[in-house]
C-alpha cells in the first residue's frame, strides 16, 4: 500500500481549480473486441508474427532465451489482460523493456491478426470437472460475480471482462484466482482512495494515471478525475477488490464455478 500527499503547485492549480470533476460517460465504453478471428486471420497473423516478432520470440513463439524474448505460445500473458490488452502491448510496446511494439505504421487489422495467431497457440482445452451449468448459477447467484464481472455484455465493469477467460486461464489458475485473488492483480485493477481537505473520500478502480491527474471509477461506475497538485491526497492499494471464496464456497462449488468460467471460450 502506498500513500502519497501532493502539495499544491500554483501553476497547475490555476489550470485545475476543481480537484474532482466528472469524467465523460463515453470513457465507460467496453474494451474493443477482436474483429479478425477467422482461420484466414490466423494464417495472416502467423505471417505478420514471423516477419516482425520472431527474432525476439522465436519462429514458433516459444521464446528466444538469447535475447530474453518470452514464450508466447501458452495463451497466457503477464502484461496483458484480454485481447485488447494484448493488442496494445503488440502495437505500443512496454515502457522500460525491450518490447518496443510495432508502432502506428502497422494497421489495426495486422495487429489483431497477430493477437488471433497467438491465441491459436494456446494448449487444447481440458476437462476441468464439475458442472458448468451449476457454476453459471453460482456466478449469477451465491457467488455474486456478475455484480463486478461482465460476460458477453451482461454484468458489471468493476472487474475484468470474463467473456473469454477460458482462453487465457487454466482451470488450476481459475481455482487459484477464486481462493487467493491477491496473488495476481494487474495495475489496471488497483484501487485508489482520494481524500479531500474536508474529509470527503472517493474510492474506486485506478482507471489511469499521468503526471498531473489520476482517474477513478467508483462502485456506481462513475468516472472522476482528480488533480495531483491540489488539496486532495490519494492512497493506492494494489490488492484485489475481489473476495476470496475459500470459506464462502465449498470445494465442489468452486469446481463448478471453475467449470463455468473455463467454458467461457471463443468459438474455434
C-alpha atoms as a PDB file:
ATOM      1  CA  UNK A   1       0.000   0.000   0.000  1.00  0.00           C
ATOM      2  CA  UNK A   2       1.345   3.408  -0.954  1.00  0.00           C
ATOM      3  CA  UNK A   3       0.172   6.793   0.307  1.00  0.00           C
ATOM      4  CA  UNK A   4       1.201   9.995  -1.369  1.00  0.00           C
ATOM      5  CA  UNK A   5       0.165  13.507  -0.376  1.00  0.00           C
ATOM      6  CA  UNK A   6       0.798  16.098  -3.055  1.00  0.00           C
ATOM      7  CA  UNK A   7       1.434  19.702  -2.034  1.00  0.00           C
ATOM      8  CA  UNK A   8      -0.288  22.453  -4.066  1.00  0.00           C
ATOM      9  CA  UNK A   9       1.525  23.724  -7.148  1.00  0.00           C
ATOM     10  CA  UNK A  10       0.137  27.147  -8.038  1.00  0.00           C
ATOM     11  CA  UNK A  11       0.829  26.974 -11.769  1.00  0.00           C
ATOM     12  CA  UNK A  12      -1.184  23.812 -12.173  1.00  0.00           C
ATOM     13  CA  UNK A  13      -3.745  24.747  -9.551  1.00  0.00           C
ATOM     14  CA  UNK A  14      -4.798  27.726 -11.665  1.00  0.00           C
ATOM     15  CA  UNK A  15      -5.493  25.388 -14.570  1.00  0.00           C
ATOM     16  CA  UNK A  16      -7.145  22.702 -12.446  1.00  0.00           C
ATOM     17  CA  UNK A  17      -9.017  24.652  -9.806  1.00  0.00           C
ATOM     18  CA  UNK A  18     -11.542  21.908  -9.276  1.00  0.00           C
ATOM     19  CA  UNK A  19      -9.936  18.874  -7.683  1.00  0.00           C
ATOM     20  CA  UNK A  20     -12.550  16.354  -8.768  1.00  0.00           C
ATOM     21  CA  UNK A  21     -14.522  16.562 -11.989  1.00  0.00           C
ATOM     22  CA  UNK A  22     -16.855  14.123 -13.748  1.00  0.00           C
ATOM     23  CA  UNK A  23     -15.209  12.071 -16.479  1.00  0.00           C
ATOM     24  CA  UNK A  24     -17.009  11.692 -19.832  1.00  0.00           C
ATOM     25  CA  UNK A  25     -19.506   8.851 -19.930  1.00  0.00           C
ATOM     26  CA  UNK A  26     -18.032   7.722 -23.225  1.00  0.00           C
ATOM     27  CA  UNK A  27     -14.950   6.563 -21.307  1.00  0.00           C
ATOM     28  CA  UNK A  28     -17.070   3.736 -19.958  1.00  0.00           C
ATOM     29  CA  UNK A  29     -17.094   2.008 -23.310  1.00  0.00           C
ATOM     30  CA  UNK A  30     -16.101  -1.622 -23.237  1.00  0.00           C
ATOM     31  CA  UNK A  31     -12.718  -2.741 -24.397  1.00  0.00           C
ATOM     32  CA  UNK A  32     -12.794  -3.413 -28.161  1.00  0.00           C
ATOM     33  CA  UNK A  33     -13.260  -6.992 -29.311  1.00  0.00           C
ATOM     34  CA  UNK A  34     -11.041  -8.625 -31.893  1.00  0.00           C
ATOM     35  CA  UNK A  35     -12.903  -8.469 -35.235  1.00  0.00           C
ATOM     36  CA  UNK A  36     -10.378 -10.679 -37.046  1.00  0.00           C
ATOM     37  CA  UNK A  37     -10.658 -14.230 -35.686  1.00  0.00           C
ATOM     38  CA  UNK A  38     -11.157 -16.476 -38.729  1.00  0.00           C
ATOM     39  CA  UNK A  39      -8.782 -19.221 -39.886  1.00  0.00           C
ATOM     40  CA  UNK A  40      -7.565 -16.871 -42.609  1.00  0.00           C
ATOM     41  CA  UNK A  41      -6.744 -14.312 -39.926  1.00  0.00           C
ATOM     42  CA  UNK A  42      -4.742 -16.966 -38.064  1.00  0.00           C
ATOM     43  CA  UNK A  43      -2.661 -17.569 -41.213  1.00  0.00           C
ATOM     44  CA  UNK A  44      -2.200 -13.869 -41.882  1.00  0.00           C
ATOM     45  CA  UNK A  45      -1.312 -13.308 -38.246  1.00  0.00           C
ATOM     46  CA  UNK A  46       1.300 -16.062 -38.408  1.00  0.00           C
ATOM     47  CA  UNK A  47       2.920 -14.365 -41.413  1.00  0.00           C
ATOM     48  CA  UNK A  48       2.967 -10.975 -39.695  1.00  0.00           C
ATOM     49  CA  UNK A  49       4.298 -12.527 -36.487  1.00  0.00           C
ATOM     50  CA  UNK A  50       7.117 -14.354 -38.269  1.00  0.00           C
ATOM     51  CA  UNK A  51       8.101 -11.197 -40.145  1.00  0.00           C
ATOM     52  CA  UNK A  52       8.025  -8.814 -37.196  1.00  0.00           C
ATOM     53  CA  UNK A  53       8.132 -10.720 -33.905  1.00  0.00           C
ATOM     54  CA  UNK A  54      10.018 -13.989 -34.383  1.00  0.00           C
ATOM     55  CA  UNK A  55      13.507 -12.513 -33.920  1.00  0.00           C
ATOM     56  CA  UNK A  56      12.797 -11.929 -30.228  1.00  0.00           C
ATOM     57  CA  UNK A  57      10.125 -14.547 -29.520  1.00  0.00           C
ATOM     58  CA  UNK A  58      11.179 -17.450 -31.744  1.00  0.00           C
ATOM     59  CA  UNK A  59       9.813 -18.699 -35.036  1.00  0.00           C
ATOM     60  CA  UNK A  60       7.186 -20.789 -33.207  1.00  0.00           C
ATOM     61  CA  UNK A  61       6.574 -18.166 -30.494  1.00  0.00           C
ATOM     62  CA  UNK A  62       8.166 -20.404 -27.860  1.00  0.00           C
ATOM     63  CA  UNK A  63      10.663 -17.711 -26.837  1.00  0.00           C
ATOM     64  CA  UNK A  64      14.264 -16.809 -27.545  1.00  0.00           C
ATOM     65  CA  UNK A  65      16.492 -17.137 -24.447  1.00  0.00           C
ATOM     66  CA  UNK A  66      19.417 -15.467 -26.221  1.00  0.00           C
ATOM     67  CA  UNK A  67      17.611 -12.120 -26.326  1.00  0.00           C
ATOM     68  CA  UNK A  68      15.208 -12.673 -23.448  1.00  0.00           C
ATOM     69  CA  UNK A  69      12.059 -12.850 -25.557  1.00  0.00           C
ATOM     70  CA  UNK A  70       9.421 -14.755 -23.534  1.00  0.00           C
ATOM     71  CA  UNK A  71       7.358 -17.736 -24.653  1.00  0.00           C
ATOM     72  CA  UNK A  72       4.112 -16.530 -26.247  1.00  0.00           C
ATOM     73  CA  UNK A  73       2.660 -19.944 -27.034  1.00  0.00           C
ATOM     74  CA  UNK A  74       0.910 -20.653 -23.726  1.00  0.00           C
ATOM     75  CA  UNK A  75      -2.127 -18.435 -24.283  1.00  0.00           C
ATOM     76  CA  UNK A  76      -1.376 -16.530 -21.056  1.00  0.00           C
ATOM     77  CA  UNK A  77       0.361 -13.172 -20.973  1.00  0.00           C
ATOM     78  CA  UNK A  78       1.654 -11.497 -17.818  1.00  0.00           C
ATOM     79  CA  UNK A  79       1.471  -7.953 -19.192  1.00  0.00           C
ATOM     80  CA  UNK A  80      -1.891  -8.220 -20.991  1.00  0.00           C
ATOM     81  CA  UNK A  81      -5.402  -8.693 -19.677  1.00  0.00           C
ATOM     82  CA  UNK A  82      -7.563  -9.879 -22.574  1.00  0.00           C
ATOM     83  CA  UNK A  83      -7.271  -9.406 -26.315  1.00  0.00           C
ATOM     84  CA  UNK A  84      -7.446  -5.599 -26.124  1.00  0.00           C
ATOM     85  CA  UNK A  85      -4.536  -5.550 -23.680  1.00  0.00           C
ATOM     86  CA  UNK A  86      -2.518  -7.875 -25.886  1.00  0.00           C
ATOM     87  CA  UNK A  87      -3.284  -5.634 -28.884  1.00  0.00           C
ATOM     88  CA  UNK A  88      -1.895  -2.607 -27.014  1.00  0.00           C
ATOM     89  CA  UNK A  89       1.278  -4.426 -25.968  1.00  0.00           C
ATOM     90  CA  UNK A  90       1.946  -5.565 -29.549  1.00  0.00           C
ATOM     91  CA  UNK A  91       1.245  -2.141 -31.036  1.00  0.00           C
ATOM     92  CA  UNK A  92       2.648   0.173 -28.332  1.00  0.00           C
ATOM     93  CA  UNK A  93       5.260  -1.982 -26.584  1.00  0.00           C
ATOM     94  CA  UNK A  94       6.074  -1.873 -22.872  1.00  0.00           C
ATOM     95  CA  UNK A  95       7.917   1.106 -21.440  1.00  0.00           C
ATOM     96  CA  UNK A  96      11.259   0.311 -19.879  1.00  0.00           C
ATOM     97  CA  UNK A  97      11.624  -3.045 -21.631  1.00  0.00           C
ATOM     98  CA  UNK A  98      12.989  -4.345 -24.920  1.00  0.00           C
ATOM     99  CA  UNK A  99       9.409  -4.744 -26.148  1.00  0.00           C
ATOM    100  CA  UNK A 100       9.190  -1.691 -28.414  1.00  0.00           C
ATOM    101  CA  UNK A 101       5.948  -2.530 -30.208  1.00  0.00           C
ATOM    102  CA  UNK A 102       5.093  -2.388 -33.889  1.00  0.00           C
ATOM    103  CA  UNK A 103       4.055   1.240 -33.789  1.00  0.00           C
ATOM    104  CA  UNK A 104       1.413   3.223 -35.618  1.00  0.00           C
ATOM    105  CA  UNK A 105       2.713   2.136 -39.035  1.00  0.00           C
ATOM    106  CA  UNK A 106       1.127  -1.311 -38.541  1.00  0.00           C
ATOM    107  CA  UNK A 107      -2.553  -1.497 -39.394  1.00  0.00           C
ATOM    108  CA  UNK A 108      -5.081  -2.396 -36.730  1.00  0.00           C
ATOM    109  CA  UNK A 109      -6.031  -5.440 -38.793  1.00  0.00           C
ATOM    110  CA  UNK A 110      -2.485  -6.810 -38.857  1.00  0.00           C
ATOM    111  CA  UNK A 111      -2.079  -6.318 -35.097  1.00  0.00           C
ATOM    112  CA  UNK A 112      -5.411  -8.026 -34.361  1.00  0.00           C
ATOM    113  CA  UNK A 113      -4.376 -10.894 -36.632  1.00  0.00           C
ATOM    114  CA  UNK A 114      -1.180 -11.360 -34.618  1.00  0.00           C
ATOM    115  CA  UNK A 115      -3.356 -11.482 -31.491  1.00  0.00           C
ATOM    116  CA  UNK A 116      -5.506 -14.154 -33.168  1.00  0.00           C
ATOM    117  CA  UNK A 117      -2.431 -16.168 -34.157  1.00  0.00           C
ATOM    118  CA  UNK A 118      -1.011 -16.066 -30.635  1.00  0.00           C
ATOM    119  CA  UNK A 119      -4.360 -17.095 -29.164  1.00  0.00           C
ATOM    120  CA  UNK A 120      -4.462 -20.043 -31.572  1.00  0.00           C
ATOM    121  CA  UNK A 121      -1.267 -21.418 -29.999  1.00  0.00           C
ATOM    122  CA  UNK A 122      -2.884 -21.984 -26.609  1.00  0.00           C
ATOM    123  CA  UNK A 123      -2.973 -25.626 -25.452  1.00  0.00           C
ATOM    124  CA  UNK A 124      -6.108 -27.607 -26.207  1.00  0.00           C
ATOM    125  CA  UNK A 125      -8.943 -27.400 -23.717  1.00  0.00           C
ATOM    126  CA  UNK A 126      -9.002 -29.877 -20.835  1.00  0.00           C
ATOM    127  CA  UNK A 127     -11.862 -31.257 -18.781  1.00  0.00           C
ATOM    128  CA  UNK A 128     -11.978 -29.173 -15.593  1.00  0.00           C
ATOM    129  CA  UNK A 129     -14.551 -31.449 -13.930  1.00  0.00           C
ATOM    130  CA  UNK A 130     -17.620 -30.047 -12.248  1.00  0.00           C
ATOM    131  CA  UNK A 131     -20.834 -28.754 -13.774  1.00  0.00           C
ATOM    132  CA  UNK A 132     -20.694 -25.631 -15.912  1.00  0.00           C
ATOM    133  CA  UNK A 133     -24.470 -25.220 -15.531  1.00  0.00           C
ATOM    134  CA  UNK A 134     -24.208 -25.294 -11.736  1.00  0.00           C
ATOM    135  CA  UNK A 135     -21.274 -22.892 -11.967  1.00  0.00           C
ATOM    136  CA  UNK A 136     -23.309 -20.454 -14.078  1.00  0.00           C
ATOM    137  CA  UNK A 137     -25.973 -20.425 -11.366  1.00  0.00           C
ATOM    138  CA  UNK A 138     -23.297 -19.735  -8.735  1.00  0.00           C
ATOM    139  CA  UNK A 139     -21.829 -16.969 -10.876  1.00  0.00           C
ATOM    140  CA  UNK A 140     -25.174 -15.168 -11.042  1.00  0.00           C
ATOM    141  CA  UNK A 141     -26.339 -16.121  -7.544  1.00  0.00           C
ATOM    142  CA  UNK A 142     -24.380 -17.125  -4.465  1.00  0.00           C
ATOM    143  CA  UNK A 143     -21.008 -16.007  -5.813  1.00  0.00           C
ATOM    144  CA  UNK A 144     -22.416 -12.602  -6.849  1.00  0.00           C
ATOM    145  CA  UNK A 145     -19.784 -12.493  -9.607  1.00  0.00           C
ATOM    146  CA  UNK A 146     -21.950 -10.668 -12.152  1.00  0.00           C
ATOM    147  CA  UNK A 147     -22.013  -7.598  -9.912  1.00  0.00           C
ATOM    148  CA  UNK A 148     -18.405  -6.871 -10.927  1.00  0.00           C
ATOM    149  CA  UNK A 149     -17.698  -9.042 -13.980  1.00  0.00           C
ATOM    150  CA  UNK A 150     -19.195  -8.867 -17.433  1.00  0.00           C
ATOM    151  CA  UNK A 151     -19.854 -11.901 -19.632  1.00  0.00           C
ATOM    152  CA  UNK A 152     -20.932 -11.306 -23.219  1.00  0.00           C
ATOM    153  CA  UNK A 153     -22.154  -7.798 -22.474  1.00  0.00           C
ATOM    154  CA  UNK A 154     -24.027  -8.571 -19.241  1.00  0.00           C
ATOM    155  CA  UNK A 155     -22.745  -7.712 -15.771  1.00  0.00           C
ATOM    156  CA  UNK A 156     -20.619  -5.079 -14.076  1.00  0.00           C
ATOM    157  CA  UNK A 157     -17.428  -3.265 -15.040  1.00  0.00           C
ATOM    158  CA  UNK A 158     -15.647  -3.262 -11.689  1.00  0.00           C
ATOM    159  CA  UNK A 159     -13.595  -6.350 -12.574  1.00  0.00           C
ATOM    160  CA  UNK A 160     -12.136  -7.913 -15.732  1.00  0.00           C
ATOM    161  CA  UNK A 161     -14.447  -8.898 -18.566  1.00  0.00           C
ATOM    162  CA  UNK A 162     -14.668 -12.700 -18.366  1.00  0.00           C
ATOM    163  CA  UNK A 163     -16.286 -13.334 -21.755  1.00  0.00           C
ATOM    164  CA  UNK A 164     -13.295 -15.380 -22.942  1.00  0.00           C
ATOM    165  CA  UNK A 165     -11.474 -16.043 -19.674  1.00  0.00           C
ATOM    166  CA  UNK A 166     -11.242 -19.766 -20.507  1.00  0.00           C
ATOM    167  CA  UNK A 167      -8.868 -18.884 -23.339  1.00  0.00           C
ATOM    168  CA  UNK A 168      -6.332 -17.234 -21.064  1.00  0.00           C
ATOM    169  CA  UNK A 169      -6.625 -19.050 -17.721  1.00  0.00           C
ATOM    170  CA  UNK A 170      -6.256 -22.762 -16.964  1.00  0.00           C
ATOM    171  CA  UNK A 171      -8.633 -24.497 -14.523  1.00  0.00           C
ATOM    172  CA  UNK A 172      -5.858 -24.531 -11.908  1.00  0.00           C
ATOM    173  CA  UNK A 173      -5.288 -20.799 -12.355  1.00  0.00           C
ATOM    174  CA  UNK A 174      -9.009 -20.105 -12.131  1.00  0.00           C
ATOM    175  CA  UNK A 175      -9.196 -22.074  -8.895  1.00  0.00           C
ATOM    176  CA  UNK A 176      -6.251 -20.053  -7.567  1.00  0.00           C
ATOM    177  CA  UNK A 177      -7.997 -16.826  -8.568  1.00  0.00           C
ATOM    178  CA  UNK A 178     -11.038 -17.830  -6.513  1.00  0.00           C
ATOM    179  CA  UNK A 179      -9.044 -18.846  -3.435  1.00  0.00           C
ATOM    180  CA  UNK A 180      -6.301 -16.172  -3.484  1.00  0.00           C
ATOM    181  CA  UNK A 181      -7.375 -13.224  -5.655  1.00  0.00           C
ATOM    182  CA  UNK A 182      -4.486 -11.065  -4.378  1.00  0.00           C
ATOM    183  CA  UNK A 183      -1.871 -13.337  -5.947  1.00  0.00           C
ATOM    184  CA  UNK A 184      -2.114 -11.739  -9.396  1.00  0.00           C
ATOM    185  CA  UNK A 185      -3.500  -8.207  -9.639  1.00  0.00           C
ATOM    186  CA  UNK A 186      -2.659  -6.229 -12.760  1.00  0.00           C
ATOM    187  CA  UNK A 187      -2.169  -2.452 -12.298  1.00  0.00           C
ATOM    188  CA  UNK A 188      -5.400  -1.908 -14.249  1.00  0.00           C
ATOM    189  CA  UNK A 189      -7.278  -3.336 -11.242  1.00  0.00           C
ATOM    190  CA  UNK A 190      -5.538  -1.477  -8.422  1.00  0.00           C
ATOM    191  CA  UNK A 191      -7.729   0.859  -6.375  1.00  0.00           C
ATOM    192  CA  UNK A 192      -7.257   4.448  -5.238  1.00  0.00           C
ATOM    193  CA  UNK A 193      -8.820   6.263  -2.303  1.00  0.00           C
ATOM    194  CA  UNK A 194      -8.859  10.029  -2.807  1.00  0.00           C
ATOM    195  CA  UNK A 195      -9.317  12.200   0.283  1.00  0.00           C
ATOM    196  CA  UNK A 196     -10.295  15.859   0.112  1.00  0.00           C
ATOM    197  CA  UNK A 197      -9.410  18.672   2.552  1.00  0.00           C
ATOM    198  CA  UNK A 198     -12.829  18.410   4.211  1.00  0.00           C
ATOM    199  CA  UNK A 199     -12.512  14.659   4.758  1.00  0.00           C
ATOM    200  CA  UNK A 200     -14.573  13.653   1.734  1.00  0.00           C
ATOM    201  CA  UNK A 201     -13.339  10.371   0.267  1.00  0.00           C
ATOM    202  CA  UNK A 202     -13.814   8.786  -3.120  1.00  0.00           C
ATOM    203  CA  UNK A 203     -12.696   5.201  -3.644  1.00  0.00           C
ATOM    204  CA  UNK A 204     -12.613   3.228  -6.850  1.00  0.00           C
ATOM    205  CA  UNK A 205     -10.621   1.478  -9.528  1.00  0.00           C
ATOM    206  CA  UNK A 206      -7.499   3.196 -10.822  1.00  0.00           C
ATOM    207  CA  UNK A 207      -8.521   3.668 -14.447  1.00  0.00           C
ATOM    208  CA  UNK A 208      -5.496   5.729 -15.479  1.00  0.00           C
ATOM    209  CA  UNK A 209      -2.807   7.982 -14.100  1.00  0.00           C
ATOM    210  CA  UNK A 210      -0.427  10.533 -15.567  1.00  0.00           C
ATOM    211  CA  UNK A 211       1.830  13.332 -14.363  1.00  0.00           C
ATOM    212  CA  UNK A 212      -0.991  15.645 -13.403  1.00  0.00           C
ATOM    213  CA  UNK A 213      -4.121  13.567 -12.788  1.00  0.00           C
ATOM    214  CA  UNK A 214      -5.454  10.214 -11.749  1.00  0.00           C
ATOM    215  CA  UNK A 215      -8.830   8.820 -12.725  1.00  0.00           C
ATOM    216  CA  UNK A 216     -11.114   6.610 -10.658  1.00  0.00           C
ATOM    217  CA  UNK A 217     -14.239   4.583 -11.388  1.00  0.00           C
ATOM    218  CA  UNK A 218     -16.328   4.290  -8.223  1.00  0.00           C
ATOM    219  CA  UNK A 219     -18.652   1.476  -7.150  1.00  0.00           C
ATOM    220  CA  UNK A 220     -21.507   3.059  -9.124  1.00  0.00           C
ATOM    221  CA  UNK A 221     -19.315   3.038 -12.254  1.00  0.00           C
ATOM    222  CA  UNK A 222     -18.988   6.834 -12.257  1.00  0.00           C
ATOM    223  CA  UNK A 223     -15.670   8.079 -13.599  1.00  0.00           C
ATOM    224  CA  UNK A 224     -13.943  11.010 -11.906  1.00  0.00           C
ATOM    225  CA  UNK A 225     -10.646  12.785 -12.426  1.00  0.00           C
ATOM    226  CA  UNK A 226      -8.513  14.331  -9.667  1.00  0.00           C
ATOM    227  CA  UNK A 227      -5.603  16.730  -9.787  1.00  0.00           C
ATOM    228  CA  UNK A 228      -2.343  15.598  -8.185  1.00  0.00           C
ATOM    229  CA  UNK A 229      -1.483  19.239  -7.494  1.00  0.00           C
ATOM    230  CA  UNK A 230      -4.402  20.332  -5.349  1.00  0.00           C
ATOM    231  CA  UNK A 231      -5.634  19.780  -1.818  1.00  0.00           C
ATOM    232  CA  UNK A 232      -6.513  16.110  -2.335  1.00  0.00           C
ATOM    233  CA  UNK A 233      -4.311  13.237  -1.255  1.00  0.00           C
ATOM    234  CA  UNK A 234      -4.506   9.722  -2.591  1.00  0.00           C
ATOM    235  CA  UNK A 235      -3.751   6.222  -1.347  1.00  0.00           C
ATOM    236  CA  UNK A 236      -3.073   3.447  -3.826  1.00  0.00           C
ATOM    237  CA  UNK A 237      -3.963  -0.160  -2.947  1.00  0.00           C
ATOM    238  CA  UNK A 238      -2.514  -2.988  -5.019  1.00  0.00           C
ATOM    239  CA  UNK A 239      -4.669  -5.754  -3.508  1.00  0.00           C
ATOM    240  CA  UNK A 240      -7.663  -7.164  -5.331  1.00  0.00           C
ATOM    241  CA  UNK A 241     -11.169  -5.908  -4.643  1.00  0.00           C
ATOM    242  CA  UNK A 242     -12.428  -9.436  -5.265  1.00  0.00           C
ATOM    243  CA  UNK A 243     -13.222 -11.521  -2.156  1.00  0.00           C
ATOM    244  CA  UNK A 244     -11.634 -14.934  -1.673  1.00  0.00           C
ATOM    245  CA  UNK A 245     -14.039 -17.856  -1.919  1.00  0.00           C
ATOM    246  CA  UNK A 246     -12.130 -20.449   0.118  1.00  0.00           C
ATOM    247  CA  UNK A 247     -14.527 -20.056   3.052  1.00  0.00           C
ATOM    248  CA  UNK A 248     -17.749 -18.980   1.322  1.00  0.00           C
ATOM    249  CA  UNK A 249     -17.893 -21.667  -1.391  1.00  0.00           C
ATOM    250  CA  UNK A 250     -17.422 -25.390  -0.878  1.00  0.00           C
ATOM    251  CA  UNK A 251     -14.766 -27.265  -2.832  1.00  0.00           C
ATOM    252  CA  UNK A 252     -17.476 -28.667  -5.118  1.00  0.00           C
ATOM    253  CA  UNK A 253     -18.988 -25.230  -5.676  1.00  0.00           C
ATOM    254  CA  UNK A 254     -15.592 -23.842  -6.625  1.00  0.00           C
ATOM    255  CA  UNK A 255     -15.085 -26.739  -9.017  1.00  0.00           C
ATOM    256  CA  UNK A 256     -18.447 -25.990 -10.631  1.00  0.00           C
ATOM    257  CA  UNK A 257     -17.660 -22.285 -10.859  1.00  0.00           C
ATOM    258  CA  UNK A 258     -14.285 -23.069 -12.448  1.00  0.00           C
ATOM    259  CA  UNK A 259     -16.059 -25.348 -14.945  1.00  0.00           C
ATOM    260  CA  UNK A 260     -18.333 -22.468 -15.941  1.00  0.00           C
ATOM    261  CA  UNK A 261     -15.515 -19.931 -16.195  1.00  0.00           C
ATOM    262  CA  UNK A 262     -13.374 -22.327 -18.219  1.00  0.00           C
ATOM    263  CA  UNK A 263     -16.308 -22.863 -20.587  1.00  0.00           C
ATOM    264  CA  UNK A 264     -16.173 -19.162 -21.489  1.00  0.00           C
ATOM    265  CA  UNK A 265     -14.083 -19.606 -24.573  1.00  0.00           C
ATOM    266  CA  UNK A 266     -14.264 -18.213 -28.067  1.00  0.00           C
ATOM    267  CA  UNK A 267     -15.732 -20.442 -30.717  1.00  0.00           C
ATOM    268  CA  UNK A 268     -12.982 -22.354 -32.575  1.00  0.00           C
END
